[in-house]
């Protein structure tokens, strides 16, 4: 897998239990199945072989993934891109260039074994990252992911668009999969699915909102806000 990507590593330390956390950033597109294989192996090793917890930032070639609750009727254009079944929660999602995916492999036993709190922290991580770019990201009851308001409330053009997705899987109290933030993907690519099973709302990105941030800039803020939310500080 690492033959396909230049990996930049950074050591961090988890303040809870003083466990090491490895920070990885792939500078090239990562094959989706290679990413799954790595996560499966790393989750096993975190639990059984004392390997470091890991946060991995990647981009994928264009593809759709189906979660454990996916409805086949929501795959509108099955021939457009490869479709991968995955064990994470949720329904259909899109991944592609210009979207930063963060795979988070943490030992939740050291975080109280509270999966709901963990998901809340992932949401907070995204919200704080977006806030750095002056984008107000919000949770919505009954809707997975992070949303932004478009247009003035009460006006004909007012709507809410999704800017980030969250999908989590837990194995023996170790998390994997994670979040994705739309930096500058081809938004038309989302039209082949009903994203996360939610119709009646759109999809947006930082660039669509007029924020011309690079993926590298988003990476930098993701790292800083991760430390704030999860209580992890960079090793000196």
C-alpha atoms as a PDB file:
ATOM      1  CA  UNK A   1       0.000   0.000   0.000  1.00  0.00           C
ATOM      2  CA  UNK A   2       2.724   2.479   0.948  1.00  0.00           C
ATOM      3  CA  UNK A   3       4.231   1.977  -2.525  1.00  0.00           C
ATOM      4  CA  UNK A   4       1.284   4.027  -3.843  1.00  0.00           C
ATOM      5  CA  UNK A   5       1.710   6.961  -1.487  1.00  0.00           C
ATOM      6  CA  UNK A   6       4.403   9.070  -0.002  1.00  0.00           C
ATOM      7  CA  UNK A   7       3.705   8.871   3.743  1.00  0.00           C
ATOM      8  CA  UNK A   8       4.668  11.642   6.132  1.00  0.00           C
ATOM      9  CA  UNK A   9       4.731  10.451   9.736  1.00  0.00           C
ATOM     10  CA  UNK A  10       4.537  12.422  12.940  1.00  0.00           C
ATOM     11  CA  UNK A  11       4.619  11.093  16.481  1.00  0.00           C
ATOM     12  CA  UNK A  12       2.084  12.345  18.983  1.00  0.00           C
ATOM     13  CA  UNK A  13       1.317  11.241  22.518  1.00  0.00           C
ATOM     14  CA  UNK A  14      -2.110  10.509  23.944  1.00  0.00           C
ATOM     15  CA  UNK A  15      -2.522  12.283  27.259  1.00  0.00           C
ATOM     16  CA  UNK A  16      -5.012   9.589  28.306  1.00  0.00           C
ATOM     17  CA  UNK A  17      -2.873   6.634  29.294  1.00  0.00           C
ATOM     18  CA  UNK A  18       0.195   8.250  27.698  1.00  0.00           C
ATOM     19  CA  UNK A  19      -0.268   6.048  24.629  1.00  0.00           C
ATOM     20  CA  UNK A  20       1.622   6.848  21.427  1.00  0.00           C
ATOM     21  CA  UNK A  21      -0.385   8.152  18.473  1.00  0.00           C
ATOM     22  CA  UNK A  22       1.091   7.999  14.995  1.00  0.00           C
ATOM     23  CA  UNK A  23       0.099  10.777  12.604  1.00  0.00           C
ATOM     24  CA  UNK A  24       0.265   9.810   8.914  1.00  0.00           C
ATOM     25  CA  UNK A  25      -0.399  11.952   5.843  1.00  0.00           C
ATOM     26  CA  UNK A  26      -0.517  10.492   2.333  1.00  0.00           C
ATOM     27  CA  UNK A  27       0.473  12.929  -0.405  1.00  0.00           C
ATOM     28  CA  UNK A  28      -0.879  10.766  -3.243  1.00  0.00           C
ATOM     29  CA  UNK A  29      -4.211   9.053  -3.899  1.00  0.00           C
ATOM     30  CA  UNK A  30      -4.619   5.876  -1.837  1.00  0.00           C
ATOM     31  CA  UNK A  31      -6.411   2.797  -3.164  1.00  0.00           C
ATOM     32  CA  UNK A  32      -9.509   2.231  -1.046  1.00  0.00           C
ATOM     33  CA  UNK A  33      -8.956  -1.480  -0.451  1.00  0.00           C
ATOM     34  CA  UNK A  34      -5.339  -0.815   0.525  1.00  0.00           C
ATOM     35  CA  UNK A  35      -6.642   1.640   3.112  1.00  0.00           C
ATOM     36  CA  UNK A  36      -9.090  -0.934   4.471  1.00  0.00           C
ATOM     37  CA  UNK A  37      -6.343  -3.565   4.715  1.00  0.00           C
ATOM     38  CA  UNK A  38      -4.084  -1.175   6.581  1.00  0.00           C
ATOM     39  CA  UNK A  39      -6.823  -0.186   9.026  1.00  0.00           C
ATOM     40  CA  UNK A  40      -7.819  -3.790   9.687  1.00  0.00           C
ATOM     41  CA  UNK A  41      -4.209  -4.691  10.408  1.00  0.00           C
ATOM     42  CA  UNK A  42      -3.513  -1.631  12.522  1.00  0.00           C
ATOM     43  CA  UNK A  43      -6.657  -2.140  14.613  1.00  0.00           C
ATOM     44  CA  UNK A  44      -5.578  -5.719  15.302  1.00  0.00           C
ATOM     45  CA  UNK A  45      -2.073  -4.618  16.222  1.00  0.00           C
ATOM     46  CA  UNK A  46      -3.251  -1.813  18.488  1.00  0.00           C
ATOM     47  CA  UNK A  47      -5.215  -4.327  20.495  1.00  0.00           C
ATOM     48  CA  UNK A  48      -2.830  -7.306  20.363  1.00  0.00           C
ATOM     49  CA  UNK A  49       0.677  -6.046  19.704  1.00  0.00           C
ATOM     50  CA  UNK A  50       0.857  -2.638  21.354  1.00  0.00           C
ATOM     51  CA  UNK A  51       1.229  -0.789  18.062  1.00  0.00           C
ATOM     52  CA  UNK A  52       0.569   2.960  18.156  1.00  0.00           C
ATOM     53  CA  UNK A  53      -2.865   4.446  17.749  1.00  0.00           C
ATOM     54  CA  UNK A  54      -3.067   6.136  14.365  1.00  0.00           C
ATOM     55  CA  UNK A  55      -4.601   9.087  12.573  1.00  0.00           C
ATOM     56  CA  UNK A  56      -4.223   8.808   8.792  1.00  0.00           C
ATOM     57  CA  UNK A  57      -5.152  11.566   6.335  1.00  0.00           C
ATOM     58  CA  UNK A  58      -5.760  10.389   2.772  1.00  0.00           C
ATOM     59  CA  UNK A  59      -7.476  11.118  -0.535  1.00  0.00           C
ATOM     60  CA  UNK A  60      -8.973   8.365  -2.699  1.00  0.00           C
ATOM     61  CA  UNK A  61      -9.688   7.987  -6.403  1.00  0.00           C
ATOM     62  CA  UNK A  62     -13.401   8.553  -7.151  1.00  0.00           C
ATOM     63  CA  UNK A  63     -15.542   5.806  -5.585  1.00  0.00           C
ATOM     64  CA  UNK A  64     -18.702   5.096  -3.639  1.00  0.00           C
ATOM     65  CA  UNK A  65     -18.870   3.158  -0.384  1.00  0.00           C
ATOM     66  CA  UNK A  66     -21.877   1.465   1.180  1.00  0.00           C
ATOM     67  CA  UNK A  67     -22.259   1.245   4.944  1.00  0.00           C
ATOM     68  CA  UNK A  68     -24.120  -1.342   6.961  1.00  0.00           C
ATOM     69  CA  UNK A  69     -27.445   0.521   6.547  1.00  0.00           C
ATOM     70  CA  UNK A  70     -27.116   1.199   2.811  1.00  0.00           C
ATOM     71  CA  UNK A  71     -30.296   0.986   0.723  1.00  0.00           C
ATOM     72  CA  UNK A  72     -29.561  -0.221  -2.852  1.00  0.00           C
ATOM     73  CA  UNK A  73     -32.204   2.183  -4.155  1.00  0.00           C
ATOM     74  CA  UNK A  74     -29.960   5.060  -3.040  1.00  0.00           C
ATOM     75  CA  UNK A  75     -27.208   4.024  -5.455  1.00  0.00           C
ATOM     76  CA  UNK A  76     -28.523   6.065  -8.373  1.00  0.00           C
ATOM     77  CA  UNK A  77     -25.679   5.503 -10.838  1.00  0.00           C
ATOM     78  CA  UNK A  78     -23.997   2.173  -9.972  1.00  0.00           C
ATOM     79  CA  UNK A  79     -21.796   2.210 -13.070  1.00  0.00           C
ATOM     80  CA  UNK A  80     -20.286   5.637 -12.579  1.00  0.00           C
ATOM     81  CA  UNK A  81     -17.559   4.725 -10.083  1.00  0.00           C
ATOM     82  CA  UNK A  82     -16.445   1.564  -8.257  1.00  0.00           C
ATOM     83  CA  UNK A  83     -18.657   0.686  -5.300  1.00  0.00           C
ATOM     84  CA  UNK A  84     -17.156  -0.839  -2.155  1.00  0.00           C
ATOM     85  CA  UNK A  85     -19.043  -2.484   0.661  1.00  0.00           C
ATOM     86  CA  UNK A  86     -17.606  -1.502   4.002  1.00  0.00           C
ATOM     87  CA  UNK A  87     -18.304  -2.424   7.602  1.00  0.00           C
ATOM     88  CA  UNK A  88     -18.663   1.133   8.881  1.00  0.00           C
ATOM     89  CA  UNK A  89     -22.024   2.442   9.971  1.00  0.00           C
ATOM     90  CA  UNK A  90     -24.162   4.546   7.673  1.00  0.00           C
ATOM     91  CA  UNK A  91     -25.267   4.372   4.062  1.00  0.00           C
ATOM     92  CA  UNK A  92     -23.732   5.465   0.738  1.00  0.00           C
ATOM     93  CA  UNK A  93     -20.905   7.972   0.643  1.00  0.00           C
ATOM     94  CA  UNK A  94     -18.599   9.351  -2.022  1.00  0.00           C
ATOM     95  CA  UNK A  95     -14.823   9.687  -1.754  1.00  0.00           C
ATOM     96  CA  UNK A  96     -12.584  11.330  -4.309  1.00  0.00           C
ATOM     97  CA  UNK A  97      -9.798  13.825  -4.988  1.00  0.00           C
ATOM     98  CA  UNK A  98     -10.257  17.113  -3.171  1.00  0.00           C
ATOM     99  CA  UNK A  99     -11.936  15.445  -0.216  1.00  0.00           C
ATOM    100  CA  UNK A 100      -9.795  14.908   2.856  1.00  0.00           C
ATOM    101  CA  UNK A 101     -10.546  11.624   4.583  1.00  0.00           C
ATOM    102  CA  UNK A 102      -9.280  11.120   8.133  1.00  0.00           C
ATOM    103  CA  UNK A 103      -9.078   7.545   9.351  1.00  0.00           C
ATOM    104  CA  UNK A 104      -8.913   7.490  13.135  1.00  0.00           C
ATOM    105  CA  UNK A 105      -7.716   4.383  14.969  1.00  0.00           C
ATOM    106  CA  UNK A 106      -7.933   4.994  18.712  1.00  0.00           C
ATOM    107  CA  UNK A 107      -8.164   2.664  21.683  1.00  0.00           C
ATOM    108  CA  UNK A 108     -11.500   3.673  23.178  1.00  0.00           C
ATOM    109  CA  UNK A 109     -10.904   1.662  26.338  1.00  0.00           C
ATOM    110  CA  UNK A 110      -8.688   4.535  27.423  1.00  0.00           C
ATOM    111  CA  UNK A 111     -11.540   6.952  26.692  1.00  0.00           C
ATOM    112  CA  UNK A 112     -14.139   5.345  28.907  1.00  0.00           C
ATOM    113  CA  UNK A 113     -15.489   3.014  26.217  1.00  0.00           C
ATOM    114  CA  UNK A 114     -18.015   5.717  25.319  1.00  0.00           C
ATOM    115  CA  UNK A 115     -18.757   5.381  21.601  1.00  0.00           C
ATOM    116  CA  UNK A 116     -21.372   8.135  21.608  1.00  0.00           C
ATOM    117  CA  UNK A 117     -18.879  10.551  23.127  1.00  0.00           C
ATOM    118  CA  UNK A 118     -16.291   9.476  20.574  1.00  0.00           C
ATOM    119  CA  UNK A 119     -18.641  10.274  17.684  1.00  0.00           C
ATOM    120  CA  UNK A 120     -19.445  13.615  19.311  1.00  0.00           C
ATOM    121  CA  UNK A 121     -15.721  14.351  19.502  1.00  0.00           C
ATOM    122  CA  UNK A 122     -15.289  13.530  15.807  1.00  0.00           C
ATOM    123  CA  UNK A 123     -18.071  15.998  15.026  1.00  0.00           C
ATOM    124  CA  UNK A 124     -16.463  18.612  17.258  1.00  0.00           C
ATOM    125  CA  UNK A 125     -13.143  18.048  15.495  1.00  0.00           C
ATOM    126  CA  UNK A 126     -14.749  18.896  12.154  1.00  0.00           C
ATOM    127  CA  UNK A 127     -16.661  21.870  13.555  1.00  0.00           C
ATOM    128  CA  UNK A 128     -13.520  23.424  15.047  1.00  0.00           C
ATOM    129  CA  UNK A 129     -11.577  22.837  11.843  1.00  0.00           C
ATOM    130  CA  UNK A 130     -14.252  24.560   9.763  1.00  0.00           C
ATOM    131  CA  UNK A 131     -14.419  27.441  12.249  1.00  0.00           C
ATOM    132  CA  UNK A 132     -10.776  28.243  11.536  1.00  0.00           C
ATOM    133  CA  UNK A 133     -11.880  29.014   7.948  1.00  0.00           C
ATOM    134  CA  UNK A 134     -14.847  31.060   9.211  1.00  0.00           C
ATOM    135  CA  UNK A 135     -17.315  28.374   8.243  1.00  0.00           C
ATOM    136  CA  UNK A 136     -20.028  27.540  10.778  1.00  0.00           C
ATOM    137  CA  UNK A 137     -20.516  23.785  10.797  1.00  0.00           C
ATOM    138  CA  UNK A 138     -23.484  22.413  12.708  1.00  0.00           C
ATOM    139  CA  UNK A 139     -24.929  19.110  13.887  1.00  0.00           C
ATOM    140  CA  UNK A 140     -28.501  18.235  12.959  1.00  0.00           C
ATOM    141  CA  UNK A 141     -30.748  15.869  14.885  1.00  0.00           C
ATOM    142  CA  UNK A 142     -31.554  12.866  12.712  1.00  0.00           C
ATOM    143  CA  UNK A 143     -28.957  13.790  10.056  1.00  0.00           C
ATOM    144  CA  UNK A 144     -25.465  12.323  10.083  1.00  0.00           C
ATOM    145  CA  UNK A 145     -22.533  14.593   9.349  1.00  0.00           C
ATOM    146  CA  UNK A 146     -21.817  18.311   9.603  1.00  0.00           C
ATOM    147  CA  UNK A 147     -23.969  20.898   7.858  1.00  0.00           C
ATOM    148  CA  UNK A 148     -23.746  24.550   6.792  1.00  0.00           C
ATOM    149  CA  UNK A 149     -26.558  27.024   6.230  1.00  0.00           C
ATOM    150  CA  UNK A 150     -26.837  28.626   2.785  1.00  0.00           C
ATOM    151  CA  UNK A 151     -28.733  31.860   2.213  1.00  0.00           C
ATOM    152  CA  UNK A 152     -30.685  33.991   4.640  1.00  0.00           C
ATOM    153  CA  UNK A 153     -33.202  32.135   6.827  1.00  0.00           C
ATOM    154  CA  UNK A 154     -36.733  32.364   5.519  1.00  0.00           C
ATOM    155  CA  UNK A 155     -35.727  33.333   1.993  1.00  0.00           C
ATOM    156  CA  UNK A 156     -36.560  31.158  -1.054  1.00  0.00           C
ATOM    157  CA  UNK A 157     -32.896  30.249  -1.562  1.00  0.00           C
ATOM    158  CA  UNK A 158     -32.223  29.221   2.033  1.00  0.00           C
ATOM    159  CA  UNK A 159     -31.017  25.644   2.457  1.00  0.00           C
ATOM    160  CA  UNK A 160     -28.588  23.448   4.349  1.00  0.00           C
ATOM    161  CA  UNK A 161     -25.760  21.580   2.639  1.00  0.00           C
ATOM    162  CA  UNK A 162     -23.546  18.822   3.958  1.00  0.00           C
ATOM    163  CA  UNK A 163     -19.830  19.553   4.088  1.00  0.00           C
ATOM    164  CA  UNK A 164     -18.505  16.606   6.099  1.00  0.00           C
ATOM    165  CA  UNK A 165     -19.423  12.957   6.642  1.00  0.00           C
ATOM    166  CA  UNK A 166     -18.813  10.693   9.616  1.00  0.00           C
ATOM    167  CA  UNK A 167     -18.724   6.895   9.585  1.00  0.00           C
ATOM    168  CA  UNK A 168     -17.343   4.775  12.407  1.00  0.00           C
ATOM    169  CA  UNK A 169     -16.595   1.142  13.048  1.00  0.00           C
ATOM    170  CA  UNK A 170     -15.408  -0.285  16.367  1.00  0.00           C
ATOM    171  CA  UNK A 171     -13.591  -3.597  16.779  1.00  0.00           C
ATOM    172  CA  UNK A 172     -12.662  -4.773  20.276  1.00  0.00           C
ATOM    173  CA  UNK A 173     -12.898  -1.157  21.421  1.00  0.00           C
ATOM    174  CA  UNK A 174     -10.533   0.149  18.741  1.00  0.00           C
ATOM    175  CA  UNK A 175     -12.056   2.638  16.304  1.00  0.00           C
ATOM    176  CA  UNK A 176     -11.494   2.899  12.587  1.00  0.00           C
ATOM    177  CA  UNK A 177     -12.916   4.664   9.526  1.00  0.00           C
ATOM    178  CA  UNK A 178     -13.636   8.262  10.624  1.00  0.00           C
ATOM    179  CA  UNK A 179     -14.507  11.519   8.877  1.00  0.00           C
ATOM    180  CA  UNK A 180     -14.323  13.212   5.492  1.00  0.00           C
ATOM    181  CA  UNK A 181     -14.301  16.946   4.744  1.00  0.00           C
ATOM    182  CA  UNK A 182     -15.087  18.357   1.317  1.00  0.00           C
ATOM    183  CA  UNK A 183     -12.253  20.733   0.492  1.00  0.00           C
ATOM    184  CA  UNK A 184     -12.564  20.954  -3.305  1.00  0.00           C
ATOM    185  CA  UNK A 185     -14.035  17.725  -4.719  1.00  0.00           C
ATOM    186  CA  UNK A 186     -16.150  17.490  -7.870  1.00  0.00           C
ATOM    187  CA  UNK A 187     -19.537  18.030  -6.263  1.00  0.00           C
ATOM    188  CA  UNK A 188     -21.245  16.549  -9.311  1.00  0.00           C
ATOM    189  CA  UNK A 189     -19.815  13.174  -8.297  1.00  0.00           C
ATOM    190  CA  UNK A 190     -22.217  13.067  -5.350  1.00  0.00           C
ATOM    191  CA  UNK A 191     -25.133  12.905  -7.790  1.00  0.00           C
ATOM    192  CA  UNK A 192     -24.634   9.172  -8.312  1.00  0.00           C
ATOM    193  CA  UNK A 193     -25.901   8.424  -4.791  1.00  0.00           C
ATOM    194  CA  UNK A 194     -28.246   9.742  -2.146  1.00  0.00           C
ATOM    195  CA  UNK A 195     -25.444  10.832   0.213  1.00  0.00           C
ATOM    196  CA  UNK A 196     -25.845   9.110   3.577  1.00  0.00           C
ATOM    197  CA  UNK A 197     -29.476   8.404   2.671  1.00  0.00           C
ATOM    198  CA  UNK A 198     -30.458  12.051   3.103  1.00  0.00           C
ATOM    199  CA  UNK A 199     -32.457  13.554   0.253  1.00  0.00           C
ATOM    200  CA  UNK A 200     -33.798  17.080   0.085  1.00  0.00           C
ATOM    201  CA  UNK A 201     -30.447  18.643   0.983  1.00  0.00           C
ATOM    202  CA  UNK A 202     -27.324  19.435  -0.990  1.00  0.00           C
ATOM    203  CA  UNK A 203     -23.591  18.932  -0.681  1.00  0.00           C
ATOM    204  CA  UNK A 204     -21.017  21.698  -0.461  1.00  0.00           C
ATOM    205  CA  UNK A 205     -17.277  22.202  -0.005  1.00  0.00           C
ATOM    206  CA  UNK A 206     -14.914  24.850   1.263  1.00  0.00           C
ATOM    207  CA  UNK A 207     -14.252  26.007  -2.287  1.00  0.00           C
ATOM    208  CA  UNK A 208     -17.974  26.049  -3.079  1.00  0.00           C
ATOM    209  CA  UNK A 209     -18.319  28.401  -0.100  1.00  0.00           C
ATOM    210  CA  UNK A 210     -15.573  30.653  -1.460  1.00  0.00           C
ATOM    211  CA  UNK A 211     -12.820  29.372   0.868  1.00  0.00           C
ATOM    212  CA  UNK A 212      -9.821  28.594  -1.360  1.00  0.00           C
ATOM    213  CA  UNK A 213      -7.950  26.516   1.195  1.00  0.00           C
ATOM    214  CA  UNK A 214      -5.592  23.771   0.110  1.00  0.00           C
ATOM    215  CA  UNK A 215      -5.751  20.221   1.421  1.00  0.00           C
ATOM    216  CA  UNK A 216      -2.396  20.855   3.136  1.00  0.00           C
ATOM    217  CA  UNK A 217      -3.845  23.876   4.946  1.00  0.00           C
ATOM    218  CA  UNK A 218      -6.807  21.796   6.110  1.00  0.00           C
ATOM    219  CA  UNK A 219      -4.394  19.094   7.285  1.00  0.00           C
ATOM    220  CA  UNK A 220      -2.559  21.591   9.456  1.00  0.00           C
ATOM    221  CA  UNK A 221      -5.761  22.732  11.141  1.00  0.00           C
ATOM    222  CA  UNK A 222      -7.039  19.177  11.522  1.00  0.00           C
ATOM    223  CA  UNK A 223      -3.914  18.334  13.447  1.00  0.00           C
ATOM    224  CA  UNK A 224      -4.142  21.364  15.730  1.00  0.00           C
ATOM    225  CA  UNK A 225      -7.839  20.921  16.474  1.00  0.00           C
ATOM    226  CA  UNK A 226      -7.415  17.181  17.004  1.00  0.00           C
ATOM    227  CA  UNK A 227      -5.026  17.943  19.817  1.00  0.00           C
ATOM    228  CA  UNK A 228      -7.591  20.304  21.362  1.00  0.00           C
ATOM    229  CA  UNK A 229     -10.561  17.930  21.113  1.00  0.00           C
ATOM    230  CA  UNK A 230      -8.931  14.613  21.949  1.00  0.00           C
ATOM    231  CA  UNK A 231      -6.408  15.800  24.515  1.00  0.00           C
ATOM    232  CA  UNK A 232      -3.372  14.768  22.512  1.00  0.00           C
ATOM    233  CA  UNK A 233      -0.235  16.895  22.393  1.00  0.00           C
ATOM    234  CA  UNK A 234       2.641  16.697  19.957  1.00  0.00           C
ATOM    235  CA  UNK A 235       5.827  15.201  21.332  1.00  0.00           C
ATOM    236  CA  UNK A 236       8.592  17.707  21.895  1.00  0.00           C
END
